[in-house]
Amino acid sequence: MKAWVDPDRCRGHGICTTICSEVFAINEDGYSEVLMPEIPAELHDAVRDAVKQCPEQAIETS
């Protein structure tokens, strides 16, 4: 699985970082970013939860 954050949609709520800090972090501009190019299987459920909980629907996966 891969994930990315749409910088035009993200407003820096940080919910994704609370749900899955192994994959998401707040960058120096105050917005979320993905920390790894390929997400390990054991984190897939947490990433899916972060996608669902994002109020701006800024996270996408493939």
C-alpha atoms as a PDB file:
ATOM      1  CA  MET A   1       0.000   0.000   0.000  1.00  0.00           C
ATOM      2  CA  LYS A   2       1.060   3.544  -0.735  1.00  0.00           C
ATOM      3  CA  ALA A   3      -0.465   6.701   0.711  1.00  0.00           C
ATOM      4  CA  TRP A   4      -0.210  10.385  -0.045  1.00  0.00           C
ATOM      5  CA  VAL A   5      -1.650  13.580   1.340  1.00  0.00           C
ATOM      6  CA  ASP A   6      -3.121  16.145  -1.037  1.00  0.00           C
ATOM      7  CA  PRO A   7      -1.423  19.393   0.042  1.00  0.00           C
ATOM      8  CA  ASP A   8      -4.255  21.464  -1.412  1.00  0.00           C
ATOM      9  CA  ARG A   9      -6.826  19.733   0.807  1.00  0.00           C
ATOM     10  CA  CYS A  10      -4.899  19.150   4.037  1.00  0.00           C
ATOM     11  CA  ARG A  11      -5.565  21.750   6.723  1.00  0.00           C
ATOM     12  CA  GLY A  12      -3.247  20.289   9.356  1.00  0.00           C
ATOM     13  CA  HIS A  13      -5.842  18.872  11.740  1.00  0.00           C
ATOM     14  CA  GLY A  14      -3.378  16.097  12.640  1.00  0.00           C
ATOM     15  CA  ILE A  15      -5.950  13.364  13.110  1.00  0.00           C
ATOM     16  CA  CYS A  16      -3.940  11.073  10.837  1.00  0.00           C
ATOM     17  CA  THR A  17      -0.823  11.548  12.965  1.00  0.00           C
ATOM     18  CA  THR A  18      -2.797  10.680  16.084  1.00  0.00           C
ATOM     19  CA  ILE A  19      -4.168   7.521  14.470  1.00  0.00           C
ATOM     20  CA  CYS A  20      -0.960   6.364  12.769  1.00  0.00           C
ATOM     21  CA  SER A  21       2.174   8.299  13.731  1.00  0.00           C
ATOM     22  CA  GLU A  22       4.332   5.605  12.135  1.00  0.00           C
ATOM     23  CA  VAL A  23       3.090   6.727   8.704  1.00  0.00           C
ATOM     24  CA  PHE A  24       1.976  10.361   9.084  1.00  0.00           C
ATOM     25  CA  ALA A  25       3.661  13.434  10.560  1.00  0.00           C
ATOM     26  CA  ILE A  26       3.064  17.164  10.592  1.00  0.00           C
ATOM     27  CA  ASN A  27       5.680  18.937   8.491  1.00  0.00           C
ATOM     28  CA  GLU A  28       7.301  22.299   9.216  1.00  0.00           C
ATOM     29  CA  ASP A  29       4.491  24.059   7.328  1.00  0.00           C
ATOM     30  CA  GLY A  30       1.895  22.543   9.673  1.00  0.00           C
ATOM     31  CA  TYR A  31       0.432  20.012   7.252  1.00  0.00           C
ATOM     32  CA  SER A  32       0.451  16.226   7.180  1.00  0.00           C
ATOM     33  CA  GLU A  33       2.917  14.230   5.147  1.00  0.00           C
ATOM     34  CA  VAL A  34       3.594  10.544   4.587  1.00  0.00           C
ATOM     35  CA  LEU A  35       6.816   9.260   6.138  1.00  0.00           C
ATOM     36  CA  MET A  36       7.335   6.108   4.074  1.00  0.00           C
ATOM     37  CA  PRO A  37       6.984   5.237   0.386  1.00  0.00           C
ATOM     38  CA  GLU A  38       5.602   1.731   0.999  1.00  0.00           C
ATOM     39  CA  ILE A  39       3.401   1.037   4.017  1.00  0.00           C
ATOM     40  CA  PRO A  40       3.878  -2.338   5.723  1.00  0.00           C
ATOM     41  CA  ALA A  41       0.875  -4.659   5.948  1.00  0.00           C
ATOM     42  CA  GLU A  42       0.615  -4.358   9.740  1.00  0.00           C
ATOM     43  CA  LEU A  43      -0.192  -0.638   9.367  1.00  0.00           C
ATOM     44  CA  HIS A  44      -2.797  -0.916   6.596  1.00  0.00           C
ATOM     45  CA  ASP A  45      -5.780  -0.906   8.963  1.00  0.00           C
ATOM     46  CA  ALA A  46      -4.515   2.185  10.787  1.00  0.00           C
ATOM     47  CA  VAL A  47      -3.923   4.007   7.492  1.00  0.00           C
ATOM     48  CA  ARG A  48      -7.426   3.114   6.299  1.00  0.00           C
ATOM     49  CA  ASP A  49      -8.794   4.481   9.557  1.00  0.00           C
ATOM     50  CA  ALA A  50      -6.816   7.705   9.065  1.00  0.00           C
ATOM     51  CA  VAL A  51      -8.260   8.025   5.549  1.00  0.00           C
ATOM     52  CA  LYS A  52     -11.798   7.642   6.907  1.00  0.00           C
ATOM     53  CA  GLN A  53     -11.255  10.075   9.785  1.00  0.00           C
ATOM     54  CA  CYS A  54      -9.618  12.868   7.764  1.00  0.00           C
ATOM     55  CA  PRO A  55     -12.129  15.754   7.846  1.00  0.00           C
ATOM     56  CA  GLU A  56     -10.767  17.206   4.605  1.00  0.00           C
ATOM     57  CA  GLN A  57     -10.560  13.839   2.769  1.00  0.00           C
ATOM     58  CA  ALA A  58      -6.969  14.727   1.943  1.00  0.00           C
ATOM     59  CA  ILE A  59      -5.447  11.236   2.211  1.00  0.00           C
ATOM     60  CA  GLU A  60      -5.474   8.769  -0.661  1.00  0.00           C
ATOM     61  CA  THR A  61      -4.119   5.231  -0.929  1.00  0.00           C
ATOM     62  CA  SER A  62      -3.346   2.710  -3.609  1.00  0.00           C
END
